[in-house]
Protein backbone atom coordinates (compact mmCIF):
# COMPACT_ATOMS: atom_id res chain seq x y z
CA MET A 1 -13.63 -4.47 -37.79
CA ALA A 2 -14.30 -0.67 -37.49
CA ASN A 3 -17.20 1.71 -37.57
CA SER A 4 -17.25 5.30 -38.61
CA ASN A 5 -19.40 7.95 -36.96
CA ASP A 6 -20.51 11.42 -38.03
CA SER A 7 -17.44 13.14 -36.64
CA GLY A 8 -15.08 11.11 -38.45
CA ASP A 9 -13.99 9.11 -35.32
CA VAL A 10 -13.30 5.37 -35.77
CA VAL A 11 -14.66 2.97 -33.15
CA TYR A 12 -12.81 -0.43 -33.09
CA PHE A 13 -14.25 -3.63 -32.20
CA CYS A 14 -11.63 -6.23 -31.32
CA PRO A 15 -13.12 -9.38 -29.98
CA ASN A 16 -9.81 -11.27 -29.91
CA ILE A 17 -7.86 -8.97 -27.50
CA PHE A 18 -6.04 -10.74 -24.82
CA ASP A 19 -8.06 -10.34 -21.61
CA PHE A 20 -6.17 -9.51 -18.45
CA ALA A 21 -9.12 -9.36 -16.13
CA THR A 22 -8.62 -12.87 -14.50
CA ILE A 23 -4.89 -12.40 -14.06
CA ASN A 24 -5.57 -8.77 -12.62
CA GLY A 25 -8.10 -10.35 -10.16
CA ALA A 26 -5.78 -13.15 -9.10
CA LEU A 27 -2.79 -11.01 -8.51
CA PHE A 28 -4.77 -8.37 -6.61
CA ILE A 29 -5.78 -10.97 -4.08
CA LEU A 30 -2.19 -12.11 -3.83
CA ILE A 31 -0.96 -8.68 -3.23
CA PHE A 32 -3.48 -8.19 -0.62
CA ILE A 33 -2.55 -11.29 1.26
CA PHE A 34 1.18 -10.28 1.24
CA SER A 35 0.55 -6.52 2.01
CA VAL A 36 -1.78 -7.17 5.07
CA THR A 37 0.60 -9.81 6.44
CA GLY A 38 3.83 -7.68 5.97
CA ASN A 39 2.26 -4.39 7.24
CA VAL A 40 0.56 -5.80 10.14
CA LEU A 41 3.85 -7.51 11.32
CA LEU A 42 5.64 -4.22 10.84
CA LEU A 43 3.16 -2.40 12.88
CA CYS A 44 3.42 -5.03 15.67
CA VAL A 45 7.24 -4.72 15.53
CA LEU A 46 7.06 -0.96 15.76
CA LEU A 47 4.52 -0.79 18.56
CA VAL A 48 6.14 -3.55 20.73
CA TYR A 49 9.96 -2.92 20.20
CA GLU A 50 10.46 0.33 18.58
CA ASN A 51 10.73 3.93 20.10
CA LEU A 52 7.85 5.84 18.55
CA LYS A 53 9.43 9.07 19.62
CA ASN A 54 12.01 8.54 16.91
CA VAL A 55 11.18 10.54 13.75
CA THR A 56 11.88 7.88 11.21
CA ASN A 57 9.67 5.40 13.20
CA VAL A 58 6.91 8.04 13.12
CA PHE A 59 6.94 8.11 9.37
CA VAL A 60 7.34 4.32 8.99
CA LEU A 61 4.30 3.83 11.23
CA ASN A 62 2.09 6.21 9.17
CA LEU A 63 3.43 4.63 5.73
CA ALA A 64 2.40 1.24 7.01
CA CYS A 65 -1.10 2.58 7.89
CA SER A 66 -1.22 4.34 4.48
CA ASP A 67 -0.38 0.99 2.68
CA LEU A 68 -3.01 -0.75 4.66
CA VAL A 69 -5.70 1.84 3.73
CA PHE A 70 -4.67 1.26 0.05
CA THR A 71 -4.73 -2.54 0.53
CA VAL A 72 -8.33 -2.61 1.80
CA THR A 73 -9.59 -1.60 -1.72
CA LEU A 74 -7.67 -4.41 -3.55
CA PRO A 75 -10.33 -7.22 -2.88
CA PHE A 76 -13.05 -4.83 -4.27
CA TRP A 77 -11.03 -4.31 -7.38
CA ALA A 78 -10.38 -7.95 -7.70
CA VAL A 79 -14.05 -8.76 -7.70
CA TYR A 80 -14.74 -5.85 -10.15
CA HIS A 81 -12.17 -7.36 -12.71
CA LEU A 82 -13.16 -10.90 -12.27
CA HIS A 83 -17.07 -10.15 -12.38
CA HIS A 84 -18.31 -6.62 -12.48
CA TRP A 85 -19.14 -3.82 -9.88
CA VAL A 86 -21.63 -5.73 -7.50
CA PHE A 87 -21.23 -3.47 -4.29
CA GLY A 88 -23.31 -0.52 -5.11
CA ASP A 89 -22.65 3.18 -5.32
CA PHE A 90 -21.68 3.98 -1.70
CA VAL A 91 -18.95 1.29 -1.69
CA CYS A 92 -17.85 2.52 -5.06
CA LYS A 93 -17.29 6.12 -3.80
CA SER A 94 -15.67 4.81 -0.46
CA MET A 95 -13.10 2.52 -2.26
CA THR A 96 -12.23 5.25 -4.74
CA ALA A 97 -11.71 7.67 -1.80
CA ALA A 98 -9.40 5.06 0.10
CA TYR A 99 -7.45 4.24 -3.09
CA ILE A 100 -6.58 8.01 -3.35
CA VAL A 101 -5.93 8.56 0.40
CA GLY A 102 -3.53 5.55 0.31
CA LEU A 103 -1.84 6.71 -2.90
CA TYR A 104 -1.34 10.50 -2.02
CA SER A 105 -0.67 10.00 1.66
CA SER A 106 2.31 7.56 0.74
CA ILE A 107 3.77 10.33 -1.56
CA ILE A 108 3.59 13.16 0.94
CA LEU A 109 5.03 10.98 3.70
CA LEU A 110 7.89 9.82 1.51
CA THR A 111 8.54 13.49 0.52
CA ALA A 112 8.37 14.52 4.25
CA MET A 113 10.91 11.62 5.17
CA THR A 114 13.26 12.81 2.50
CA VAL A 115 13.12 16.37 3.57
CA ASP A 116 13.83 15.31 7.16
CA ARG A 117 17.05 13.31 6.01
CA PHE A 118 18.02 16.37 3.93
CA VAL A 119 17.76 18.66 6.93
CA THR A 120 19.55 16.08 9.23
CA VAL A 121 22.36 15.15 6.79
CA VAL A 122 22.93 18.37 4.68
CA LEU A 123 21.75 21.06 7.23
CA HIS A 124 23.14 19.30 10.21
CA ASN A 125 24.49 22.69 11.46
CA TRP A 126 20.96 24.10 11.49
CA SER A 127 19.77 24.43 15.13
CA SER A 128 17.02 21.83 15.55
CA THR A 129 16.18 19.94 18.89
CA PRO A 130 14.95 16.38 18.87
CA VAL A 131 11.49 17.89 20.24
CA ARG A 132 11.26 20.18 17.36
CA ARG A 133 12.17 17.56 14.87
CA ARG A 134 9.41 15.37 16.25
CA SER A 135 6.84 18.10 16.24
CA CYS A 136 7.68 18.69 12.65
CA ALA A 137 7.44 15.07 11.64
CA MET A 138 3.88 14.81 13.52
CA ALA A 139 2.80 17.88 11.66
CA ALA A 140 3.94 16.56 8.45
CA CYS A 141 2.04 13.30 8.93
CA ALA A 142 -1.17 15.17 9.96
CA ALA A 143 -0.86 17.21 6.80
CA ALA A 144 -0.33 14.17 4.66
CA TRP A 145 -3.49 12.60 5.83
CA ILE A 146 -5.47 15.87 5.63
CA ILE A 147 -4.26 16.75 2.04
CA SER A 148 -4.88 13.18 0.72
CA ILE A 149 -8.41 13.00 2.22
CA ALA A 150 -9.15 16.38 0.55
CA ALA A 151 -7.74 15.21 -2.77
CA SER A 152 -10.04 12.12 -2.46
CA VAL A 153 -13.27 14.00 -1.95
CA SER A 154 -13.56 15.26 -5.54
CA ASP A 155 -13.03 11.89 -7.01
CA ALA A 156 -15.20 10.27 -4.53
CA ILE A 157 -18.00 12.72 -5.44
CA LYS A 158 -17.45 12.30 -9.27
CA VAL A 159 -17.26 8.55 -9.39
CA LYS A 160 -20.44 6.76 -9.78
CA VAL A 161 -21.83 3.27 -10.76
CA ASP A 162 -23.08 3.15 -14.23
CA GLY A 163 -25.03 0.63 -16.18
CA PRO A 164 -26.15 -1.98 -16.71
CA TRP A 165 -24.04 -2.54 -20.02
CA ASN A 166 -25.05 -6.06 -21.09
CA GLY A 167 -25.84 -6.82 -17.61
CA PHE A 168 -22.64 -5.42 -16.17
CA TYR A 169 -22.23 -2.48 -13.98
CA ILE A 170 -19.03 -0.27 -13.82
CA CYS A 171 -17.44 1.95 -11.21
CA GLU A 172 -15.75 4.78 -12.93
CA VAL A 173 -15.20 8.63 -13.11
CA PRO A 174 -16.75 10.17 -16.19
CA SER A 175 -13.77 11.21 -18.33
CA ASP A 176 -15.57 12.96 -21.26
CA SER A 177 -15.62 16.47 -19.47
CA PRO A 178 -12.53 18.72 -20.10
CA ASP A 179 -12.85 20.07 -16.55
CA VAL A 180 -12.63 16.49 -15.01
CA ASN A 181 -9.48 15.76 -17.09
CA LEU A 182 -7.84 19.24 -16.33
CA GLY A 183 -8.55 18.70 -12.48
CA TYR A 184 -7.14 15.11 -12.65
CA TYR A 185 -3.93 16.31 -14.53
CA LEU A 186 -3.51 19.13 -12.17
CA GLN A 187 -3.67 16.81 -9.23
CA VAL A 188 -1.39 14.39 -10.65
CA SER A 189 1.04 17.09 -11.35
CA LEU A 190 0.96 18.65 -7.88
CA LEU A 191 0.81 15.25 -5.78
CA PHE A 192 2.97 13.02 -7.88
CA PHE A 193 5.60 14.89 -10.10
CA LEU A 194 6.12 17.80 -7.83
CA PRO A 195 7.03 15.53 -4.89
CA PHE A 196 9.32 13.53 -7.41
CA ALA A 197 11.14 16.80 -8.28
CA ILE A 198 11.58 17.73 -4.46
CA ILE A 199 12.86 14.19 -3.59
CA VAL A 200 15.34 14.19 -6.55
CA PHE A 201 16.77 17.63 -5.44
CA CYS A 202 17.11 16.50 -1.79
CA TYR A 203 18.67 13.13 -2.44
CA SER A 204 21.05 14.61 -4.95
CA ALA A 205 22.32 16.83 -2.06
CA ILE A 206 22.17 14.21 0.48
CA LEU A 207 24.20 11.76 -1.60
CA LYS A 208 26.93 14.31 -2.38
CA THR A 209 27.14 14.96 1.42
CA VAL A 210 27.27 11.45 2.38
CA LEU A 211 30.02 10.49 -0.21
CA GLN A 212 32.25 13.49 1.04
CA ALA A 213 31.82 12.50 4.67
CA SER A 214 34.63 10.42 6.34
CA ASN A 215 32.21 8.44 8.63
CA ARG A 216 29.40 7.11 6.46
CA LYS A 217 28.27 4.54 8.90
CA ARG A 218 25.97 6.93 10.64
CA HIS A 219 24.15 7.64 7.53
CA ARG A 220 22.79 4.07 7.08
CA THR A 221 19.30 5.38 7.66
CA VAL A 222 19.75 7.39 4.42
CA VAL A 223 20.24 4.26 2.36
CA VAL A 224 17.10 2.69 3.85
CA VAL A 225 15.07 5.74 3.17
CA LEU A 226 16.54 5.96 -0.38
CA CYS A 227 15.54 2.37 -1.09
CA ILE A 228 11.99 3.05 -0.01
CA VAL A 229 11.70 6.06 -2.12
CA ALA A 230 13.20 4.44 -4.91
CA ALA A 231 10.81 1.53 -4.92
CA PHE A 232 7.68 3.84 -4.74
CA PHE A 233 8.65 5.63 -7.92
CA ILE A 234 9.93 2.60 -9.67
CA CYS A 235 6.47 1.05 -8.98
CA TRP A 236 4.32 4.13 -9.55
CA GLY A 237 6.22 5.96 -12.05
CA PRO A 238 5.39 3.82 -15.15
CA PHE A 239 1.73 3.70 -14.42
CA ASN A 240 1.55 7.50 -14.00
CA ILE A 241 3.60 8.07 -17.27
CA LEU A 242 1.37 5.64 -19.06
CA LEU A 243 -1.80 7.62 -17.84
CA PHE A 244 -0.04 10.89 -19.15
CA ILE A 245 0.57 9.22 -22.44
CA HIS A 246 -2.94 7.86 -22.82
CA SER A 247 -4.38 11.40 -22.30
CA LEU A 248 -2.38 12.55 -25.45
CA TYR A 249 -2.27 9.40 -27.72
CA GLU A 250 -5.15 7.22 -28.64
CA PRO A 251 -4.09 3.83 -30.15
CA LYS A 252 -5.41 3.07 -33.82
CA GLY A 253 -6.26 -0.45 -34.64
CA CYS A 254 -6.69 -3.68 -32.78
CA ASN A 255 -3.02 -4.49 -32.42
CA ALA A 256 -2.26 -1.12 -31.03
CA ILE A 257 -5.09 -1.23 -28.58
CA GLU A 258 -4.11 -4.57 -27.42
CA ARG A 259 -0.42 -3.60 -26.77
CA SER A 260 -1.81 -0.56 -24.93
CA GLN A 261 -3.97 -2.49 -22.52
CA ILE A 262 -1.35 -5.13 -21.79
CA ALA A 263 1.10 -2.34 -20.80
CA PHE A 264 -1.53 -0.56 -18.81
CA SER A 265 -2.35 -3.84 -16.91
CA ILE A 266 1.32 -4.66 -16.10
CA CYS A 267 2.04 -1.09 -14.99
CA ARG A 268 -0.99 -1.22 -12.77
CA ILE A 269 -0.04 -4.53 -11.26
CA LEU A 270 3.48 -3.15 -10.69
CA ALA A 271 1.89 0.09 -9.13
CA PHE A 272 -0.37 -1.87 -6.82
CA SER A 273 2.33 -4.26 -5.68
CA HIS A 274 4.19 -1.31 -4.01
CA CYS A 275 1.97 -1.72 -0.87
CA CYS A 276 3.69 -5.11 0.05
CA MET A 277 7.16 -3.99 -0.93
CA ASN A 278 7.77 -1.50 2.00
CA PRO A 279 7.85 -4.16 4.74
CA LEU A 280 10.58 -5.99 2.88
CA LEU A 281 12.61 -2.84 2.52
CA TYR A 282 12.28 -2.11 6.16
CA MET A 283 13.84 -5.46 6.85
CA LEU A 284 17.10 -4.06 5.45
CA SER A 285 17.55 -2.79 9.00
CA GLN A 286 19.32 -5.34 11.10
CA LYS A 287 17.55 -4.11 14.14
CA LEU A 288 14.02 -4.55 12.68
CA ARG A 289 14.96 -8.00 11.37
CA ARG A 290 16.06 -8.85 14.96
CA HIS A 291 12.87 -7.53 16.57
CA LEU A 292 10.65 -9.39 14.00
CA LEU A 293 12.48 -12.60 14.76
CA GLN A 294 11.86 -11.86 18.58
CA LEU A 295 8.12 -11.24 17.78
CA LEU A 296 7.64 -14.55 15.76
CA CYS A 297 9.59 -16.45 18.28
CA SER A 298 7.69 -15.13 21.28
CA LYS A 299 4.33 -15.87 19.50
CA THR A 300 5.56 -19.55 18.77
CA ALA A 301 6.61 -20.04 22.33
CA ARG A 302 3.19 -18.67 23.64
CA ARG A 303 1.31 -21.03 21.39
CA LYS A 304 3.51 -23.99 22.39
CA ASN A 305 2.95 -23.17 26.07
CA MET A 306 -0.81 -22.83 25.48
CA GLU A 307 -0.81 -26.25 23.63
CA ARG A 308 1.19 -27.77 26.59
CA GLY A 309 -1.00 -26.24 29.11
CA THR A 310 -4.09 -27.47 27.38
CA GLY A 311 -2.40 -30.92 27.04
CA GLN A 312 -1.56 -31.00 30.79
CA THR A 313 -5.03 -29.88 31.68
CA THR A 314 -6.54 -32.64 29.56
CA ILE A 315 -4.10 -35.26 31.37
CA ILE A 316 -5.09 -34.07 34.66
CA GLN A 317 -8.85 -34.27 33.82
CA ASN A 318 -8.35 -37.79 32.53
CA VAL A 319 -6.40 -38.78 35.63
CA ALA A 320 -9.20 -37.28 37.80
CA PHE A 321 -11.91 -38.81 35.80
CA ASN A 322 -10.32 -42.30 36.02
CA ALA A 323 -9.74 -41.92 39.76
CA GLN A 324 -13.36 -40.92 40.23
CA ASN A 325 -14.52 -44.02 38.30
CA SER A 326 -12.20 -46.20 40.34
CA ALA A 327 -13.61 -44.89 43.54
CA VAL A 328 -17.18 -45.45 42.24
CA MET A 329 -16.34 -49.01 41.50
CA LEU A 330 -14.81 -49.61 44.93
CA GLU A 331 -18.03 -48.23 46.47
CA LEU A 332 -20.32 -50.46 44.51
CA PRO A 333 -21.98 -53.16 47.02
CA SER A 334 -20.76 -56.70 46.35
CA LYS A 335 -23.58 -59.19 45.46
């Protein structure tokens, strides 16, 4: 069923479109659980066992924090899809800002990791001391957080809670203004497609150098970083491409609208799932797997020792209590 307005636009009312809201909400909660578990374990391994003066570990630590910042927003989006926005305007702005910070800081950090690998592998003759590399890595991480926070401010200001619409509130950025759309597309171009181009260039040169090298064993870190970068763009690429297509093409008819919404929901779930994939990719490193096993075994051993200690304390208390009762019974006067 369709209505025509004065401008000639057609508004479609499609009541039978498949609703992804419940599936989205459930999957967001599932991604949240996996992401928090994996990234917290990764942070524990890095802080307990790894050398944080190592440049790669510095980037991995910041990436785990970036994933956790993004992950914090997922329960709020889950409730939003399952019900409606019930958290008010301040939380709406805060969660939008955290979403943007987590997304763009990941992109910038991955780009910085790739450039660091490029300098180490391709420009290995370039004079660079470990102290200088570490200083550059720290500066890149600080820049990633500053740029992503600055990028989130505009969206946090623009987003607002609107409604009620049939008793429901929404937390959205108004998209009817050309300036808003232009700013968003410029931001996506600078903070998604430009880093992607830089990464493709760097890794083309890296892979060429690695394949020509006689000793490839020392470039194992390159493979891990390549997998991490590839996973990011495999997850987030379809979502950003679909957003760009939506800006140019408006589906006509209920079938086209349904297909568009299903594709958008699938791409968004794939994009959001990225925050729980990085810990799995880091486990490609044999050393990290060994450290994780040590961490889990030490926690299990401590828990068993505590349980054993609690049990021994209970036995000692019972023995003491029984001995005390026996002594009291011996001291009772006979009739």
